[in-house]
């Protein structure tokens, strides 16, 4: 039997980062994953390949629709889908290979296979037994399957399949108007598919404020996406997705249907009941404030526990748990996990939106600034969208921010930084920003909280 200080089950961003940090702190670590390559869903079939496809398709959209205004005459533009997919696969291979090299350099024992609990400190992987005083569950999540719309991998597909179509669907219907559905819908729309997004709720990206969503919806529609909200999907038959909106019967012809209605915690096959690990009503692993499960010495992080199912949140969970296990002062601020939709333009948020703050009974002051008045955005041809800062009306403390615009996912970080130390809109407004940059729109929005934006009335 192989013995370690720590066994981590799952080699996604949460799991491998936990293993790496534990190794840095001097622990003997085993990292188990069912895949032959490390990186989990994120690197292999999720975040990374989808971003590679988004980037490639953005180049295509620029060449088709914007190059001429920059004085670039490109002539006929053709899509080589096989080459595009090869590049995506090469990006994935480079990154998962890099994680493997780092694991080797840190002398982490990597075990390939499906893991299950034999006891609270013993893990089975096939015939192999591994034991450790501490075990971390980091097995991530899987796409939610609708009972009346089962995945077949060909026509009704999950995001796992939608990153690897061998041809461009003539008509793609996306069920779900969240980040995954809109990102992959954007990819295939740019590549030539007729895309319809069908969302059950009254608006897409439902956690964002109405003003953000209205502008975002308009921009997506301008790009060619059809967006149907308030529509309850009822099934798929005879080459069409059916739905209802009140008494109205809807039908959407589709060559492929991408079901992107969320993800579920993946703990299948772990035999958690064998060691007394309890789940909550949403099948997430129950943990305390330090991510300890109901079984002694067993911890859980990332998508299998409560909180946003985001790679960067899982990473922070993993670092904190490794530090707690090593007797250090681990820390995660779960109130400040940024969320991003990687369309073009992107949408990003942190903390409370205007509607969320008001729902909590907070008096707020709002500052907005349009990218249409930002010099760098105009020069780069990215004038769409705006930055919005939400501050406490009495104390000026930043409560949150939402950004719709090019590279919003990068721009949100400085707001996160100011919020981390409890900063005010005034602090952000008085931080010097280089000119010309799109970050100046963040500064101007902070100034606008107190109605003193320089470049807007």
Protein backbone atom coordinates (compact mmCIF):
# COMPACT_ATOMS: atom_id res chain seq x y z
CA UNK A 1 0.00 0.00 0.00
CA UNK A 2 1.33 3.42 -0.99
CA UNK A 3 1.23 6.07 1.76
CA UNK A 4 1.16 9.86 1.39
CA UNK A 5 0.53 12.96 3.45
CA UNK A 6 -2.20 14.00 1.03
CA UNK A 7 -4.23 12.38 -1.73
CA UNK A 8 -6.10 14.66 -4.13
CA UNK A 9 -8.87 13.09 -6.22
CA UNK A 10 -9.33 15.06 -9.42
CA UNK A 11 -6.64 16.89 -11.39
CA UNK A 12 -8.61 19.91 -12.57
CA UNK A 13 -7.62 23.48 -11.62
CA UNK A 14 -8.74 22.95 -8.02
CA UNK A 15 -7.12 19.57 -7.60
CA UNK A 16 -3.78 20.12 -9.28
CA UNK A 17 -3.33 23.55 -7.69
CA UNK A 18 -4.08 22.00 -4.28
CA UNK A 19 -1.51 19.27 -4.96
CA UNK A 20 1.09 21.78 -6.17
CA UNK A 21 0.68 24.04 -3.13
CA UNK A 22 0.84 21.07 -0.77
CA UNK A 23 4.06 19.91 -2.44
CA UNK A 24 5.51 23.41 -2.05
CA UNK A 25 4.77 23.11 1.67
CA UNK A 26 6.70 19.85 1.91
CA UNK A 27 3.88 17.29 1.84
CA UNK A 28 4.11 13.99 -0.02
CA UNK A 29 1.24 14.14 -2.49
CA UNK A 30 -0.62 11.75 -4.79
CA UNK A 31 -2.84 13.20 -7.52
CA UNK A 32 -5.49 10.89 -9.01
CA UNK A 33 -7.49 11.46 -12.18
CA UNK A 34 -9.45 9.21 -14.49
CA UNK A 35 -8.04 11.01 -17.55
CA UNK A 36 -4.62 10.22 -18.96
CA UNK A 37 -3.96 13.97 -19.11
CA UNK A 38 -4.09 16.38 -16.19
CA UNK A 39 -6.12 19.59 -16.11
CA UNK A 40 -9.63 18.21 -15.66
CA UNK A 41 -12.63 19.48 -17.59
CA UNK A 42 -11.27 23.03 -17.73
CA UNK A 43 -8.08 22.34 -19.64
CA UNK A 44 -9.22 19.29 -21.61
CA UNK A 45 -12.80 19.96 -22.72
CA UNK A 46 -13.97 23.18 -21.09
CA UNK A 47 -12.48 26.61 -20.41
CA UNK A 48 -9.36 26.32 -22.54
CA UNK A 49 -10.60 24.70 -25.77
CA UNK A 50 -13.68 26.93 -25.78
CA UNK A 51 -11.52 30.05 -25.40
CA UNK A 52 -9.27 28.88 -28.23
CA UNK A 53 -12.34 28.52 -30.45
CA UNK A 54 -13.68 31.89 -29.35
CA UNK A 55 -10.37 33.57 -30.20
CA UNK A 56 -10.12 31.93 -33.62
CA UNK A 57 -13.71 32.79 -34.48
CA UNK A 58 -13.16 36.40 -33.35
CA UNK A 59 -10.35 36.65 -35.91
CA UNK A 60 -12.80 35.42 -38.55
CA UNK A 61 -15.44 37.96 -37.52
CA UNK A 62 -12.85 40.75 -37.71
CA UNK A 63 -11.69 39.66 -41.15
CA UNK A 64 -15.26 39.42 -42.47
CA UNK A 65 -16.81 42.50 -40.92
CA UNK A 66 -14.17 44.96 -39.74
CA UNK A 67 -10.92 44.58 -41.66
CA UNK A 68 -12.05 46.85 -44.50
CA UNK A 69 -12.65 49.80 -42.20
CA UNK A 70 -9.03 49.46 -41.09
CA UNK A 71 -7.90 49.65 -44.69
CA UNK A 72 -7.21 45.93 -44.95
CA UNK A 73 -8.33 44.26 -48.19
CA UNK A 74 -8.29 40.54 -47.52
CA UNK A 75 -10.20 39.14 -50.47
CA UNK A 76 -12.01 35.82 -50.18
CA UNK A 77 -12.04 34.31 -46.69
CA UNK A 78 -12.51 30.59 -46.23
CA UNK A 79 -12.88 28.52 -43.08
CA UNK A 80 -10.66 25.47 -42.62
CA UNK A 81 -12.53 23.90 -39.72
CA UNK A 82 -10.09 21.00 -39.42
CA UNK A 83 -7.13 23.38 -39.04
CA UNK A 84 -9.08 25.49 -36.56
CA UNK A 85 -9.78 22.39 -34.46
CA UNK A 86 -6.16 21.28 -34.73
CA UNK A 87 -5.04 24.61 -33.31
CA UNK A 88 -7.53 24.22 -30.43
CA UNK A 89 -6.18 20.74 -29.74
CA UNK A 90 -2.59 22.01 -29.85
CA UNK A 91 -3.42 24.69 -27.27
CA UNK A 92 -4.92 22.04 -25.00
CA UNK A 93 -1.96 19.69 -25.48
CA UNK A 94 0.54 22.42 -24.60
CA UNK A 95 -1.25 23.36 -21.40
CA UNK A 96 -1.97 19.85 -20.12
CA UNK A 97 1.63 18.95 -20.94
CA UNK A 98 2.80 21.91 -18.91
CA UNK A 99 0.77 20.79 -15.90
CA UNK A 100 2.26 17.30 -16.18
CA UNK A 101 5.79 18.75 -16.23
CA UNK A 102 5.07 20.83 -13.14
CA UNK A 103 3.67 17.79 -11.32
CA UNK A 104 6.80 15.82 -12.16
CA UNK A 105 9.10 18.65 -11.09
CA UNK A 106 7.29 18.84 -7.74
CA UNK A 107 7.67 15.07 -7.27
CA UNK A 108 3.93 14.50 -7.12
CA UNK A 109 2.82 10.90 -7.68
CA UNK A 110 0.26 10.90 -10.50
CA UNK A 111 -2.15 7.96 -10.62
CA UNK A 112 -4.49 7.42 -13.58
CA UNK A 113 -7.84 5.74 -12.96
CA UNK A 114 -11.22 6.05 -11.26
CA UNK A 115 -10.95 6.55 -7.50
CA UNK A 116 -13.28 5.39 -4.74
CA UNK A 117 -13.16 5.42 -0.95
CA UNK A 118 -12.31 2.20 0.85
CA UNK A 119 -12.08 4.03 4.18
CA UNK A 120 -11.72 7.65 5.30
CA UNK A 121 -7.98 7.46 4.70
CA UNK A 122 -7.76 4.80 1.98
CA UNK A 123 -8.48 5.19 -1.73
CA UNK A 124 -8.90 2.44 -4.29
CA UNK A 125 -7.81 2.93 -7.91
CA UNK A 126 -8.42 -0.38 -9.60
CA UNK A 127 -6.35 -2.90 -7.64
CA UNK A 128 -4.12 -0.21 -6.18
CA UNK A 129 -4.59 1.06 -2.63
CA UNK A 130 -3.36 4.47 -1.51
CA UNK A 131 -3.54 5.82 2.01
CA UNK A 132 -3.14 9.29 3.50
CA UNK A 133 -4.05 11.22 6.64
CA UNK A 134 -5.78 13.81 4.47
CA UNK A 135 -7.80 13.36 1.28
CA UNK A 136 -9.23 16.13 -0.92
CA UNK A 137 -12.22 15.58 -3.21
CA UNK A 138 -11.78 17.76 -6.30
CA UNK A 139 -13.76 15.83 -8.91
CA UNK A 140 -15.46 18.85 -10.46
CA UNK A 141 -18.75 18.89 -12.32
CA UNK A 142 -20.56 17.49 -15.36
CA UNK A 143 -23.17 18.94 -17.74
CA UNK A 144 -26.77 18.76 -16.54
CA UNK A 145 -28.88 16.47 -18.74
CA UNK A 146 -32.58 17.21 -19.16
CA UNK A 147 -34.72 14.08 -18.65
CA UNK A 148 -36.75 14.77 -21.80
CA UNK A 149 -33.69 15.80 -23.85
CA UNK A 150 -31.08 13.10 -23.33
CA UNK A 151 -27.58 13.55 -24.71
CA UNK A 152 -26.82 11.31 -27.69
CA UNK A 153 -23.49 12.91 -28.59
CA UNK A 154 -24.62 13.53 -32.17
CA UNK A 155 -27.78 15.64 -32.35
CA UNK A 156 -28.53 16.49 -28.73
CA UNK A 157 -25.15 17.39 -27.28
CA UNK A 158 -23.41 18.85 -24.25
CA UNK A 159 -20.60 21.40 -24.24
CA UNK A 160 -18.17 18.45 -24.26
CA UNK A 161 -19.32 17.66 -27.80
CA UNK A 162 -19.89 21.22 -28.98
CA UNK A 163 -16.16 22.04 -28.87
CA UNK A 164 -15.45 19.35 -31.43
CA UNK A 165 -18.05 19.36 -34.22
CA UNK A 166 -16.55 18.06 -37.48
CA UNK A 167 -18.73 20.39 -39.54
CA UNK A 168 -20.60 23.64 -39.02
CA UNK A 169 -24.27 22.95 -38.19
CA UNK A 170 -26.69 24.71 -40.51
CA UNK A 171 -29.04 25.34 -37.61
CA UNK A 172 -27.89 25.16 -33.99
CA UNK A 173 -30.34 25.62 -31.12
CA UNK A 174 -28.79 26.37 -27.74
CA UNK A 175 -30.89 25.56 -24.70
CA UNK A 176 -29.75 27.91 -21.95
CA UNK A 177 -28.72 31.56 -22.04
CA UNK A 178 -25.85 31.39 -19.58
CA UNK A 179 -22.11 31.73 -20.15
CA UNK A 180 -21.49 28.31 -21.74
CA UNK A 181 -24.41 28.47 -24.14
CA UNK A 182 -23.69 32.04 -25.26
CA UNK A 183 -19.97 31.43 -25.71
CA UNK A 184 -20.36 28.30 -27.82
CA UNK A 185 -23.35 29.78 -29.61
CA UNK A 186 -21.15 32.75 -30.55
CA UNK A 187 -18.40 30.47 -31.86
CA UNK A 188 -20.67 28.55 -34.20
CA UNK A 189 -22.58 31.65 -35.25
CA UNK A 190 -19.34 33.29 -36.37
CA UNK A 191 -18.40 30.11 -38.23
CA UNK A 192 -21.65 30.25 -40.20
CA UNK A 193 -24.31 28.47 -38.20
CA UNK A 194 -27.81 29.88 -37.79
CA UNK A 195 -27.96 30.01 -33.98
CA UNK A 196 -31.03 30.36 -31.77
CA UNK A 197 -30.67 30.62 -27.99
CA UNK A 198 -33.72 29.45 -26.02
CA UNK A 199 -33.82 30.58 -22.38
CA UNK A 200 -36.47 29.68 -19.80
CA UNK A 201 -35.97 32.84 -17.70
CA UNK A 202 -37.09 36.33 -18.79
CA UNK A 203 -33.54 37.29 -19.71
CA UNK A 204 -30.19 35.76 -20.61
CA UNK A 205 -27.29 35.90 -18.08
CA UNK A 206 -29.99 36.29 -15.44
CA UNK A 207 -27.70 37.30 -12.56
CA UNK A 208 -26.74 40.56 -14.29
CA UNK A 209 -28.55 43.88 -14.05
CA UNK A 210 -31.24 44.66 -16.60
CA UNK A 211 -29.34 47.54 -18.21
CA UNK A 212 -26.34 45.28 -18.85
CA UNK A 213 -28.53 42.49 -20.22
CA UNK A 214 -30.54 44.76 -22.52
CA UNK A 215 -27.42 46.15 -24.19
CA UNK A 216 -25.74 42.74 -24.31
CA UNK A 217 -28.80 41.12 -25.89
CA UNK A 218 -28.98 43.83 -28.54
CA UNK A 219 -25.30 43.37 -29.41
CA UNK A 220 -25.63 39.59 -29.70
CA UNK A 221 -28.69 39.98 -31.92
CA UNK A 222 -26.78 42.43 -34.07
CA UNK A 223 -24.13 39.72 -34.51
CA UNK A 224 -26.80 37.33 -35.78
CA UNK A 225 -27.83 35.32 -32.74
CA UNK A 226 -31.56 34.82 -32.29
CA UNK A 227 -32.55 35.02 -28.63
CA UNK A 228 -35.82 33.61 -27.30
CA UNK A 229 -36.46 34.25 -23.60
CA UNK A 230 -39.30 33.11 -21.36
CA UNK A 231 -39.51 29.88 -23.36
CA UNK A 232 -39.91 26.50 -21.68
CA UNK A 233 -38.39 23.69 -23.74
CA UNK A 234 -40.67 20.66 -24.06
CA UNK A 235 -38.76 18.28 -26.33
CA UNK A 236 -37.06 17.51 -29.61
CA UNK A 237 -38.65 15.59 -32.46
CA UNK A 238 -38.63 15.51 -36.26
CA UNK A 239 -35.62 17.81 -36.45
CA UNK A 240 -37.08 20.60 -34.33
CA UNK A 241 -36.87 21.73 -30.72
CA UNK A 242 -40.28 22.48 -29.24
CA UNK A 243 -41.02 25.00 -26.51
CA UNK A 244 -43.85 26.96 -24.92
CA UNK A 245 -44.17 30.61 -23.99
CA UNK A 246 -47.41 30.83 -22.07
CA UNK A 247 -50.08 29.58 -24.46
CA UNK A 248 -47.78 30.07 -27.46
CA UNK A 249 -46.31 26.93 -29.04
CA UNK A 250 -42.80 27.38 -30.42
CA UNK A 251 -40.76 25.27 -32.81
CA UNK A 252 -37.09 25.74 -33.71
CA UNK A 253 -35.61 23.60 -36.53
CA UNK A 254 -32.19 22.26 -35.56
CA UNK A 255 -29.43 20.09 -36.97
CA UNK A 256 -27.92 20.08 -33.50
CA UNK A 257 -29.22 21.01 -30.05
CA UNK A 258 -26.69 22.15 -27.46
CA UNK A 259 -28.09 21.72 -23.96
CA UNK A 260 -26.29 24.20 -21.69
CA UNK A 261 -28.57 24.56 -18.68
CA UNK A 262 -25.87 24.23 -16.04
CA UNK A 263 -23.55 21.74 -14.44
CA UNK A 264 -23.92 19.32 -11.55
CA UNK A 265 -21.39 18.27 -8.90
CA UNK A 266 -19.65 15.09 -10.06
CA UNK A 267 -19.11 12.60 -7.26
CA UNK A 268 -20.20 9.49 -9.19
CA UNK A 269 -18.42 6.31 -8.20
CA UNK A 270 -16.57 7.74 -5.19
CA UNK A 271 -18.56 5.62 -2.67
CA UNK A 272 -18.97 8.62 -0.36
CA UNK A 273 -21.62 6.84 1.73
CA UNK A 274 -19.05 4.20 2.61
CA UNK A 275 -17.19 6.74 4.77
CA UNK A 276 -20.09 8.90 5.93
CA UNK A 277 -19.62 11.87 3.62
CA UNK A 278 -22.91 13.73 3.44
CA UNK A 279 -24.41 15.63 0.50
CA UNK A 280 -26.78 18.60 0.61
CA UNK A 281 -30.13 18.95 -1.20
CA UNK A 282 -28.33 19.88 -4.43
CA UNK A 283 -26.05 16.81 -4.25
CA UNK A 284 -23.07 18.97 -3.28
CA UNK A 285 -20.61 17.72 -0.67
CA UNK A 286 -21.37 19.25 2.71
CA UNK A 287 -18.41 21.17 4.12
CA UNK A 288 -17.71 23.52 7.00
CA UNK A 289 -16.08 26.96 6.82
CA UNK A 290 -12.69 25.30 6.20
CA UNK A 291 -14.00 22.94 3.50
CA UNK A 292 -13.89 19.87 5.76
CA UNK A 293 -16.48 17.19 4.99
CA UNK A 294 -18.43 15.13 7.50
CA UNK A 295 -15.70 12.44 7.36
CA UNK A 296 -12.54 13.09 9.43
CA UNK A 297 -9.53 14.01 7.31
CA UNK A 298 -11.56 14.39 4.11
CA UNK A 299 -11.89 17.79 2.45
CA UNK A 300 -13.78 18.95 -0.65
CA UNK A 301 -13.20 21.87 -3.02
CA UNK A 302 -14.34 23.47 -6.25
CA UNK A 303 -17.45 22.45 -8.14
CA UNK A 304 -18.44 19.65 -5.74
CA UNK A 305 -19.16 22.13 -2.93
CA UNK A 306 -21.45 25.16 -2.67
CA UNK A 307 -20.45 28.30 -4.54
CA UNK A 308 -19.84 29.34 -8.13
CA UNK A 309 -18.58 26.58 -10.42
CA UNK A 310 -15.55 28.49 -11.65
CA UNK A 311 -11.97 27.33 -12.12
CA UNK A 312 -10.45 30.30 -10.28
CA UNK A 313 -12.70 29.71 -7.28
CA UNK A 314 -11.61 26.04 -7.24
CA UNK A 315 -7.96 27.11 -7.37
CA UNK A 316 -8.35 29.35 -4.34
CA UNK A 317 -10.17 26.56 -2.49
CA UNK A 318 -7.29 24.24 -3.30
CA UNK A 319 -4.58 26.60 -2.08
CA UNK A 320 -6.45 27.30 1.16
CA UNK A 321 -7.00 23.60 1.93
CA UNK A 322 -3.36 22.75 1.24
CA UNK A 323 -2.31 25.52 3.62
CA UNK A 324 -4.79 24.47 6.32
CA UNK A 325 -3.57 20.88 6.09
CA UNK A 326 0.02 22.10 6.44
CA UNK A 327 -0.87 24.18 9.48
CA UNK A 328 -0.75 27.51 7.66
CA UNK A 329 -3.28 30.36 7.56
CA UNK A 330 -5.26 29.61 4.39
CA UNK A 331 -7.85 32.13 3.24
CA UNK A 332 -10.55 32.47 0.58
CA UNK A 333 -12.86 35.46 0.16
CA UNK A 334 -15.85 33.71 -1.39
CA UNK A 335 -17.71 37.03 -1.65
CA UNK A 336 -15.23 38.25 -4.25
CA UNK A 337 -15.19 35.65 -7.00
CA UNK A 338 -15.39 37.39 -10.40
CA UNK A 339 -17.62 35.90 -13.10
CA UNK A 340 -17.06 36.36 -16.83
CA UNK A 341 -18.91 35.57 -20.06
CA UNK A 342 -16.25 35.32 -22.78
CA UNK A 343 -18.30 36.49 -25.73
CA UNK A 344 -17.32 39.58 -27.72
CA UNK A 345 -17.95 41.91 -26.05
CA UNK A 346 -17.33 40.16 -22.76
CA UNK A 347 -19.44 40.58 -19.65
CA UNK A 348 -17.85 40.53 -16.20
CA UNK A 349 -19.08 41.04 -12.66
CA UNK A 350 -17.90 41.12 -9.07
CA UNK A 351 -19.82 41.50 -5.84
CA UNK A 352 -23.35 42.90 -5.85
CA UNK A 353 -25.13 44.31 -8.86
CA UNK A 354 -27.44 47.30 -8.54
CA UNK A 355 -30.53 45.09 -8.36
CA UNK A 356 -28.94 42.69 -5.88
CA UNK A 357 -27.83 45.51 -3.59
CA UNK A 358 -31.27 47.11 -3.60
CA UNK A 359 -32.85 43.72 -2.90
CA UNK A 360 -30.75 43.62 0.28
CA UNK A 361 -32.17 47.00 1.28
CA UNK A 362 -28.92 48.87 0.65
CA UNK A 363 -28.90 52.49 -0.48
CA UNK A 364 -26.54 52.68 -3.44
CA UNK A 365 -24.83 55.22 -5.64
CA UNK A 366 -24.21 54.14 -9.23
CA UNK A 367 -21.49 55.27 -11.60
CA UNK A 368 -21.52 54.40 -15.31
CA UNK A 369 -19.20 55.20 -18.17
CA UNK A 370 -19.64 54.23 -21.82
CA UNK A 371 -16.75 52.83 -23.83
CA UNK A 372 -18.02 55.00 -26.69
CA UNK A 373 -16.37 57.90 -24.83
CA UNK A 374 -13.08 56.05 -24.17
CA UNK A 375 -10.21 56.98 -26.48
CA UNK A 376 -8.55 53.56 -26.59
CA UNK A 377 -11.87 51.79 -27.22
CA UNK A 378 -12.65 54.13 -30.12
CA UNK A 379 -9.14 53.75 -31.61
CA UNK A 380 -9.36 49.96 -31.35
CA UNK A 381 -12.88 49.80 -32.76
CA UNK A 382 -14.39 48.49 -29.52
CA UNK A 383 -16.86 51.20 -28.45
CA UNK A 384 -19.70 48.91 -27.36
CA UNK A 385 -20.77 48.56 -23.76
CA UNK A 386 -20.09 50.32 -20.48
CA UNK A 387 -18.62 50.03 -17.02
CA UNK A 388 -20.84 50.21 -13.96
CA UNK A 389 -19.71 50.68 -10.36
CA UNK A 390 -22.08 50.05 -7.45
CA UNK A 391 -21.14 51.80 -4.18
CA UNK A 392 -22.73 52.25 -0.78
CA UNK A 393 -24.49 55.62 -0.84
CA UNK A 394 -23.42 56.43 2.74
CA UNK A 395 -19.88 55.07 3.00
CA UNK A 396 -18.82 55.04 -0.69
CA UNK A 397 -17.51 51.49 -0.21
CA UNK A 398 -17.54 49.58 -3.50
CA UNK A 399 -20.22 46.88 -3.34
CA UNK A 400 -19.75 45.52 -6.83
CA UNK A 401 -19.19 46.18 -10.50
CA UNK A 402 -20.48 44.96 -13.85
CA UNK A 403 -18.67 45.55 -17.11
CA UNK A 404 -19.90 44.96 -20.64
CA UNK A 405 -17.13 45.51 -23.14
CA UNK A 406 -14.04 44.27 -24.91
CA UNK A 407 -11.74 42.46 -22.45
CA UNK A 408 -14.16 43.04 -19.58
CA UNK A 409 -12.72 39.94 -17.94
CA UNK A 410 -9.36 41.67 -17.66
CA UNK A 411 -10.82 45.03 -16.62
CA UNK A 412 -12.80 43.61 -13.68
CA UNK A 413 -9.62 42.60 -11.83
CA UNK A 414 -8.73 46.05 -10.57
CA UNK A 415 -12.19 46.43 -9.06
CA UNK A 416 -11.69 43.08 -7.31
CA UNK A 417 -8.39 44.36 -5.94
CA UNK A 418 -9.93 47.52 -4.50
CA UNK A 419 -12.82 45.55 -3.02
CA UNK A 420 -10.43 43.08 -1.39
CA UNK A 421 -9.22 45.74 1.05
CA UNK A 422 -12.65 47.37 1.38
CA UNK A 423 -11.85 50.24 -0.96
CA UNK A 424 -14.20 53.04 -1.92
CA UNK A 425 -15.23 54.44 -5.27
CA UNK A 426 -13.07 57.43 -4.31
CA UNK A 427 -10.04 55.13 -3.89
CA UNK A 428 -10.61 53.68 -7.35
CA UNK A 429 -11.27 57.11 -8.87
CA UNK A 430 -8.02 58.53 -7.46
CA UNK A 431 -5.91 55.60 -8.67
CA UNK A 432 -3.85 56.81 -11.64
CA UNK A 433 -4.70 54.97 -14.84
CA UNK A 434 -2.45 55.05 -17.89
CA UNK A 435 -3.73 56.89 -20.98
CA UNK A 436 -4.95 55.78 -23.42
CA UNK A 437 -6.30 52.54 -21.97
CA UNK A 438 -9.71 50.95 -21.62
CA UNK A 439 -9.13 50.83 -17.87
CA UNK A 440 -9.78 54.57 -17.85
CA UNK A 441 -13.46 53.69 -18.31
CA UNK A 442 -13.32 51.94 -14.92
CA UNK A 443 -11.82 55.06 -13.35
CA UNK A 444 -14.45 57.26 -15.00
CA UNK A 445 -17.26 55.03 -13.72
CA UNK A 446 -15.82 55.35 -10.21
CA UNK A 447 -15.73 59.12 -10.65
CA UNK A 448 -19.33 59.01 -11.88
CA UNK A 449 -20.45 57.53 -8.56
CA UNK A 450 -20.04 61.04 -7.14
CA UNK A 451 -21.17 62.66 -10.41
CA UNK A 452 -17.75 63.95 -11.41
CA UNK A 453 -16.77 61.92 -14.47
CA UNK A 454 -14.36 63.99 -16.56
CA UNK A 455 -15.21 62.73 -20.05
CA UNK A 456 -19.00 62.49 -19.73
CA UNK A 457 -21.79 64.87 -18.78
